Protein backbone atom coordinates (compact mmCIF):
# COMPACT_ATOMS: atom_id res chain seq x y z
CA MET A 1 2.37 11.94 -8.80
CA SER A 2 4.78 12.31 -11.70
CA GLU A 3 3.57 10.99 -15.04
CA ASN A 4 6.91 9.32 -15.43
CA SER A 5 6.87 7.45 -12.14
CA LEU A 6 7.68 3.77 -12.18
CA VAL A 7 4.27 2.90 -10.76
CA GLN A 8 2.58 4.51 -13.74
CA GLU A 9 5.01 2.94 -16.17
CA TRP A 10 4.33 -0.55 -14.84
CA THR A 11 0.67 -0.37 -13.88
CA VAL A 12 -1.25 2.66 -15.15
CA ARG A 13 -0.08 2.29 -18.74
CA SER A 14 -1.38 -1.27 -18.80
CA GLU A 15 -4.65 -0.33 -17.12
CA ARG A 16 -5.19 2.61 -19.47
CA GLY A 17 -4.81 0.83 -22.76
CA ALA A 18 -4.70 -2.90 -22.43
CA LEU A 19 -6.89 -4.76 -19.98
CA PRO A 20 -6.49 -7.82 -22.24
CA LEU A 21 -2.72 -7.49 -21.64
CA ILE A 22 -3.33 -7.65 -17.89
CA LYS A 23 -5.46 -10.75 -18.35
CA PHE A 24 -2.79 -12.33 -20.53
CA GLY A 25 -0.09 -11.55 -17.99
CA VAL A 26 -2.17 -13.04 -15.18
CA TRP A 27 -2.94 -16.13 -17.25
CA MET A 28 0.73 -16.61 -18.06
CA ALA A 29 1.84 -16.17 -14.44
CA LEU A 30 -0.73 -18.67 -13.18
CA ARG A 31 0.02 -21.12 -15.97
CA LEU A 32 3.81 -20.96 -15.59
CA GLY A 33 3.78 -20.81 -11.78
CA ARG A 34 5.57 -18.39 -9.51
CA PRO A 35 9.16 -19.76 -9.82
CA VAL A 36 9.15 -19.52 -13.62
CA ALA A 37 7.22 -16.23 -13.70
CA ARG A 38 9.82 -14.68 -11.40
CA LEU A 39 12.51 -15.28 -14.03
CA PHE A 40 10.82 -12.70 -16.25
CA LEU A 41 11.15 -10.05 -13.54
CA TYR A 42 14.91 -9.73 -14.08
CA PRO A 43 14.88 -8.63 -17.74
CA THR A 44 11.82 -6.48 -17.02
CA CYS A 45 13.63 -4.66 -14.22
CA LEU A 46 16.73 -4.22 -16.39
CA TYR A 47 14.54 -2.69 -19.09
CA PHE A 48 12.98 -0.18 -16.70
CA LEU A 49 16.35 0.57 -15.13
CA ALA A 50 17.62 1.55 -18.59
CA SER A 51 14.50 3.30 -19.90
CA SER A 52 12.88 5.01 -16.88
CA ALA A 53 15.42 7.69 -16.06
CA LYS A 54 13.16 9.74 -13.77
CA ALA A 55 12.04 6.70 -11.81
CA ALA A 56 15.66 5.57 -11.41
CA ARG A 57 16.68 9.06 -10.30
CA SER A 58 13.87 9.15 -7.73
CA SER A 59 14.90 5.71 -6.49
CA ARG A 60 18.48 6.90 -6.04
CA GLN A 61 17.28 10.02 -4.20
CA TYR A 62 15.22 7.98 -1.74
CA LEU A 63 17.84 5.26 -1.29
CA ALA A 64 20.54 7.84 -0.58
CA ARG A 65 18.41 9.23 2.25
CA VAL A 66 17.43 5.90 3.77
CA LEU A 67 20.77 4.11 3.33
CA GLY A 68 22.92 7.08 4.30
CA ARG A 69 25.21 6.61 1.29
CA GLN A 70 25.13 6.95 -2.46
CA PRO A 71 23.27 3.93 -3.86
CA SER A 72 24.82 1.73 -6.52
CA VAL A 73 23.17 0.57 -9.73
CA ALA A 74 22.67 -2.77 -7.99
CA ASP A 75 20.76 -0.99 -5.19
CA VAL A 76 18.39 0.66 -7.66
CA PHE A 77 17.91 -2.65 -9.48
CA ARG A 78 17.10 -4.34 -6.16
CA HIS A 79 14.57 -1.58 -5.43
CA PHE A 80 12.85 -2.20 -8.78
CA LEU A 81 12.99 -5.96 -8.28
CA THR A 82 11.37 -5.76 -4.84
CA PHE A 83 8.52 -3.74 -6.32
CA ALA A 84 8.12 -6.15 -9.23
CA SER A 85 8.13 -9.13 -6.86
CA CYS A 86 5.29 -7.64 -4.82
CA VAL A 87 3.30 -6.92 -7.99
CA LEU A 88 3.73 -10.50 -9.19
CA ASP A 89 2.82 -11.94 -5.80
CA ARG A 90 -0.45 -9.99 -5.87
CA VAL A 91 -1.60 -12.25 -8.69
CA PHE A 92 -1.17 -15.37 -6.57
CA LEU A 93 -2.53 -13.79 -3.39
CA LEU A 94 -5.62 -12.55 -5.23
CA ASN A 95 -6.14 -16.07 -6.53
CA GLU A 96 -6.23 -17.42 -2.96
CA GLN A 97 -2.82 -19.10 -3.27
CA ILE A 98 -1.64 -17.86 0.11
CA ASP A 99 -0.18 -21.29 0.91
CA GLN A 100 2.69 -20.49 -1.46
CA PHE A 101 3.98 -17.92 1.03
CA ASP A 102 5.54 -17.86 4.47
CA ILE A 103 3.67 -15.03 6.22
CA ARG A 104 4.62 -14.03 9.76
CA ILE A 105 2.16 -11.81 11.64
CA HIS A 106 3.19 -9.37 14.38
CA GLY A 107 0.67 -7.53 16.54
CA GLU A 108 -2.22 -9.84 15.70
CA GLU A 109 -3.58 -9.32 19.24
CA ILE A 110 -4.49 -5.75 18.21
CA VAL A 111 -6.75 -7.05 15.45
CA ARG A 112 -8.26 -9.71 17.69
CA ASP A 113 -9.10 -7.15 20.37
CA ILE A 114 -10.89 -4.94 17.82
CA GLU A 115 -12.82 -7.97 16.57
CA ARG A 116 -13.91 -8.84 20.11
CA ARG A 117 -15.24 -5.30 20.47
CA GLY A 118 -17.39 -5.67 17.37
CA GLY A 119 -14.95 -4.89 14.58
CA GLY A 120 -14.76 -1.86 12.39
CA CYS A 121 -11.29 -0.37 12.06
CA ILE A 122 -9.35 1.99 9.81
CA LEU A 123 -6.04 0.57 8.57
CA PHE A 124 -3.42 3.10 7.52
CA GLY A 125 -1.00 1.60 5.04
CA ALA A 126 1.55 3.02 2.63
CA HIS A 127 3.00 2.32 -0.79
CA PHE A 128 5.26 -0.04 1.06
CA GLY A 129 5.67 -3.76 0.60
CA SER A 130 2.35 -5.51 0.05
CA PHE A 131 -1.06 -4.43 1.25
CA GLU A 132 -2.50 -7.44 -0.56
CA VAL A 133 -0.77 -9.89 1.77
CA THR A 134 -2.78 -8.43 4.68
CA ARG A 135 -6.07 -8.79 2.85
CA ALA A 136 -5.15 -12.36 1.95
CA VAL A 137 -4.38 -13.19 5.59
CA GLY A 138 -7.69 -11.69 6.66
CA ARG A 139 -9.64 -13.71 4.10
CA ARG A 140 -7.92 -17.00 4.76
CA GLN A 141 -7.19 -17.11 8.48
CA ARG A 142 -9.96 -15.09 10.07
CA ASN A 143 -12.54 -14.50 7.32
CA LEU A 144 -11.95 -10.82 8.02
CA PRO A 145 -13.36 -8.43 5.40
CA VAL A 146 -10.74 -5.87 4.36
CA SER A 147 -11.61 -3.09 1.88
CA LEU A 148 -9.30 -0.53 0.29
CA VAL A 149 -10.21 3.13 -0.22
CA MET A 150 -8.56 4.97 -3.12
CA TYR A 151 -9.19 7.87 -5.45
CA GLU A 152 -12.00 7.17 -7.87
CA GLU A 153 -9.95 7.07 -11.07
CA ASN A 154 -7.49 4.61 -9.56
CA ALA A 155 -10.35 2.68 -7.96
CA ARG A 156 -12.01 2.21 -11.35
CA LYS A 157 -8.79 0.86 -12.85
CA ILE A 158 -8.09 -1.40 -9.90
CA ARG A 159 -11.65 -2.79 -9.99
CA ALA A 160 -11.16 -3.67 -13.66
CA ALA A 161 -7.84 -5.36 -12.88
CA LEU A 162 -9.35 -7.25 -9.93
CA ALA A 163 -12.25 -8.40 -12.07
CA SER A 164 -9.72 -9.91 -14.48
CA ILE A 165 -7.91 -11.73 -11.66
CA ASN A 166 -10.57 -12.60 -9.08
CA PRO A 167 -14.05 -11.11 -9.74
CA GLN A 168 -15.17 -11.82 -6.16
CA LEU A 169 -12.79 -9.15 -4.85
CA GLU A 170 -13.88 -6.31 -7.14
CA THR A 171 -16.33 -4.94 -4.55
CA GLU A 172 -13.59 -4.66 -1.91
CA VAL A 173 -12.41 -1.35 -3.45
CA ILE A 174 -14.19 1.88 -2.42
CA GLY A 175 -13.81 4.91 -4.68
CA LEU A 176 -12.95 8.18 -2.92
CA GLY A 177 -14.19 11.51 -4.24
CA ARG A 178 -17.85 10.67 -4.88
CA SER A 179 -20.68 12.20 -2.87
CA ASP A 180 -21.40 8.87 -1.19
CA SER A 181 -17.79 7.79 -0.53
CA LEU A 182 -17.78 8.60 3.18
CA ILE A 183 -21.17 6.94 3.61
CA ALA A 184 -19.85 3.78 1.94
CA VAL A 185 -16.81 3.73 4.25
CA ALA A 186 -18.98 4.29 7.35
CA GLU A 187 -21.38 1.53 6.27
CA ARG A 188 -18.58 -1.02 5.93
CA LEU A 189 -17.10 -0.01 9.26
CA ASN A 190 -20.51 -0.50 10.87
CA ARG A 191 -20.57 -4.01 9.39
CA GLY A 192 -17.26 -4.79 11.09
CA HIS A 193 -14.99 -4.30 8.06
CA PHE A 194 -11.37 -3.24 8.25
CA VAL A 195 -11.00 -0.35 5.81
CA GLY A 196 -7.53 0.47 4.46
CA LEU A 197 -6.20 3.81 3.23
CA LEU A 198 -2.70 4.43 1.84
CA ALA A 199 -1.65 7.66 3.52
CA ASP A 200 1.80 8.43 2.12
CA ARG A 201 1.13 9.85 -1.34
CA ASN A 202 0.44 13.55 -1.92
CA VAL A 203 -1.96 13.38 -4.86
CA GLY A 204 -2.90 16.76 -6.36
CA GLY A 205 -0.73 18.86 -4.06
CA GLU A 206 -3.63 19.95 -1.82
CA ASP A 207 -4.33 19.69 1.91
CA LEU A 208 -0.72 18.78 2.69
CA VAL A 209 1.31 19.11 5.87
CA ARG A 210 5.10 18.82 6.01
CA TYR A 211 6.80 16.61 8.60
CA PRO A 212 10.39 15.47 9.12
CA PHE A 213 10.98 12.31 7.11
CA LEU A 214 14.36 10.66 6.46
CA GLY A 215 16.30 13.75 7.43
CA VAL A 216 14.31 16.44 5.62
CA THR A 217 10.69 17.59 5.55
CA ALA A 218 8.18 15.97 3.20
CA ALA A 219 4.52 16.63 2.45
CA PHE A 220 1.86 14.17 3.62
CA PRO A 221 -1.89 14.40 2.90
CA GLN A 222 -4.32 15.22 5.72
CA GLY A 223 -7.29 13.70 3.88
CA PRO A 224 -6.99 10.09 5.14
CA PHE A 225 -6.53 11.33 8.70
CA ARG A 226 -9.56 13.63 8.45
CA VAL A 227 -11.64 10.60 7.41
CA ALA A 228 -10.38 8.68 10.44
CA MET A 229 -11.14 11.60 12.76
CA LEU A 230 -14.69 11.96 11.47
CA LEU A 231 -15.56 8.27 11.71
CA GLN A 232 -14.35 7.79 15.30
CA ARG A 233 -12.95 4.29 14.85
CA PRO A 234 -9.74 2.64 16.01
CA VAL A 235 -6.85 3.54 13.73
CA VAL A 236 -4.20 0.88 13.12
CA MET A 237 -1.05 1.08 11.03
CA MET A 238 -0.31 -1.92 8.84
CA VAL A 239 2.73 -2.80 6.77
CA GLY A 240 3.47 -6.00 4.86
CA ILE A 241 7.24 -6.26 4.37
CA TYR A 242 8.59 -8.42 1.56
CA ARG A 243 11.69 -10.20 2.89
CA GLY A 244 12.65 -12.04 -0.28
CA ASN A 245 11.87 -15.44 -1.73
CA ARG A 246 8.40 -16.34 -0.35
CA THR A 247 8.52 -14.54 2.98
CA TYR A 248 6.48 -11.60 4.26
CA ASP A 249 6.30 -9.99 7.70
CA VAL A 250 2.97 -8.28 8.49
CA PHE A 251 2.99 -5.71 11.31
CA PHE A 252 -0.01 -4.12 13.06
CA GLU A 253 0.33 -1.31 15.57
CA THR A 254 -2.19 1.09 17.08
CA LEU A 255 -2.06 4.72 15.95
CA ALA A 256 -5.18 5.95 17.78
CA LYS A 257 -7.79 4.32 20.01
CA PRO A 258 -11.52 5.08 19.69
CA SER A 259 -11.60 6.31 23.28
CA GLU A 260 -9.29 9.21 22.48
CA SER A 261 -11.28 12.42 22.15
CA ARG A 262 -11.04 13.80 18.64
CA SER A 263 -13.80 16.37 18.74
CA ARG A 264 -12.39 18.64 21.50
CA ASP A 265 -9.29 19.54 19.54
CA GLY A 266 -9.35 18.10 16.04
CA ALA A 267 -6.22 19.93 14.92
CA ALA A 268 -4.18 18.50 17.79
CA TRP A 269 -5.49 14.98 17.09
CA LEU A 270 -4.64 15.28 13.39
CA ASP A 271 -1.14 16.50 14.14
CA SER A 272 -0.49 13.77 16.70
CA ALA A 273 -1.80 10.97 14.46
CA MET A 274 0.12 12.20 11.42
CA ARG A 275 3.37 12.62 13.35
CA ARG A 276 3.13 9.08 14.70
CA TYR A 277 2.30 7.70 11.25
CA VAL A 278 5.24 9.48 9.59
CA SER A 279 7.58 8.43 12.40
CA ARG A 280 6.57 4.78 12.11
CA LEU A 281 6.78 4.87 8.30
CA GLU A 282 10.33 6.16 8.61
CA HIS A 283 11.07 3.34 11.05
CA TYR A 284 9.88 0.70 8.59
CA CYS A 285 11.68 2.37 5.67
CA ARG A 286 14.93 2.16 7.58
CA ALA A 287 14.21 -1.43 8.64
CA ALA A 288 13.34 -2.57 5.07
CA PRO A 289 14.55 0.20 2.74
CA PHE A 290 13.83 -1.51 -0.58
CA ASN A 291 10.12 -1.92 0.25
CA TRP A 292 9.00 1.70 -0.22
CA PHE A 293 7.57 2.28 -3.70
CA ASN A 294 7.00 6.00 -4.28
CA PHE A 295 9.00 6.29 -7.50
CA TYR A 296 8.74 10.03 -7.97
CA ASP A 297 10.27 13.12 -6.39
CA PHE A 298 8.62 12.75 -3.00
CA TRP A 299 10.45 15.71 -1.48
CA ALA A 300 9.57 18.22 -4.21
């Protein structure tokens, strides 16, 4: 991921040098309330629109592909604002203030069926909309434990941020890359957890496969899919689309069932699962184009 990406500008810089700044921002948002806190998003987005040239250029590149036309400055601003809105809403969702939002769930019967069978499922998400809204729905409506797997360095930073917002949720993040990472994931699956992986970011440039995406080929990592293949659990795609104001649409759809044989031809299973994932991600990008948040040159 580019060092100049918008995600790093808005999140990693704060995590790296100023955990007290995160705490202050959270305190201010909760003290002011969501309507007032949202007012600060507009000057913040204008600042990043003016100062983050590479992020703005990457936004324009993506929006041109998904919209089928050259995006305007207003389009790029809207893209930044959608991202900022989801980041702000995380604060309230992590603080169990789900009642502030209108959340519509589609495909809930898929989750219920997996629960009836004893639970344990791998959720493939993306840097798209809000993953946090799904975890909040699981905690509030069904007491469903949802953990997130991410690379260890990011996991450490996210744990610190979570501890500053809601310490009870710090343990819901599993670091990837340690010797016991796969064991930790398998243990939570065996306890009936839903374990989420974001499968659309090519970190490090290794173990990548190129698939058609928004009119050209793009590289996607095999790693998350290899984990799913090894653990032999149902694989479900999840997206939480921010619709504006207080509204989110959460979609679940099956990518692979546990009954499908993965050991006879692992390469064919990987290819099939990845193609379906990329195809569905493209579908959701076209349906809600301002919700995809990979602010770097994804097609490089």
